[in-house]
Amino acid sequence: MGKSGSGKTSMRSIIFANYIARDTRRLGATIDVEHSHVRFLGNLVLNLWDCGGQEAFMENYFASQRDNIFRNVEVLIYVFDVESRELDKDMHYYQSCLEAILQNSPEARIFCLVHKMDLVQEDQRDLIFREREEDLKRLSKPLECTCFRTSIWDETLYRAWSSIVYKLIPNVKELEQSLNQFANIIDGDEVLLFERATFLVISHCQRRPHRDVHRFEKVSNIIKQFKLSCSKLAAQFQSMEVRNSNFAAFIDMFTSNTYVMVVMSDPAIPSEATLINIRNARKHFEKLERVSQAQSTLAK
């Protein structure tokens, strides 16, 4: 949810429909509620309700459609245009959403995306986001909200949506434990698991520190764009190896619904050994994936 023009449909189209940022300019305004069912990790269906943000629609959501819109909600994602000139009205509608959530879906998780941050002068972004985040957290009580700064023009969008989807995966803790075991066996610095269609990071294991805290979303963004470029050339992206004197990174198809990325810094370990280990681990992770599919539920 969020006011008209805040960027809701654009971000959904980039993450789930393989749009690139410049192509979202041709998207029209959302009329009332647009429903989409996104299959994620094979059998987990994300039931996304993209709610048009024109004032007449917003009023209607809280009047005649209140129970229909806000019942059985797993996640509320509210999008704020950082340069909105109607911030008071935005906050009013956000609070109305929270009241409806409290009444109908009190267990729902709340995410606020402070969007279009690329329009803010770079040296002001941290300050503006922190101020907005403080206001939103205060307004959200007694509910808790998680805030992200986002833009369709950089990797911040992937960070936010990876965090949101992570909360919906049924057996994510078992997945992380298995990744840790896998990383220890192969002596990897880091292992990342990507959802195949969206390239969102759904799980990771880090065994050695890395200075770039935004590396996951950067990799998601870069590899997804590369994968889309391959598709335009009628080629299929399957695997990639990047190597220099300091590290080797392997990205490979893993299970039927995931890709894996393994980062190694030990030059004594040959590429063939790592690729064999990835291949041998597939059966175990495919079994975990089947368990996840069995536990999956519809998320609205």
Foldseek 3Di string as FASTA:
>chain_A
DEAWPLCPVQLCCVQQVVDANVVCVPDDFDDAWDWDWGQFLHQFTETDIDGGHYPVNLVCCLPVVLQVVQAQAQEDEYGAALPDPPVVVRLVSVLSSLVSNVVHPVNHAYEYEHEPLVVPDPVCSVVSQVVVQVVVQVSNPPHGYHYFYYYSNALSSLVRVLVVVLVQQDPLVVVQVVQQVLCVVVVFQKKFKAFANRRRTNYMDGDHDDDDPSVSSRCSVVVSVVQVVCVVVVHGDAKDWDDDQAKIWIWGDAEPTIIMITIHRDPVDDPVVVVVSSNVCRVVVNVVSVVRSVVHDYHD
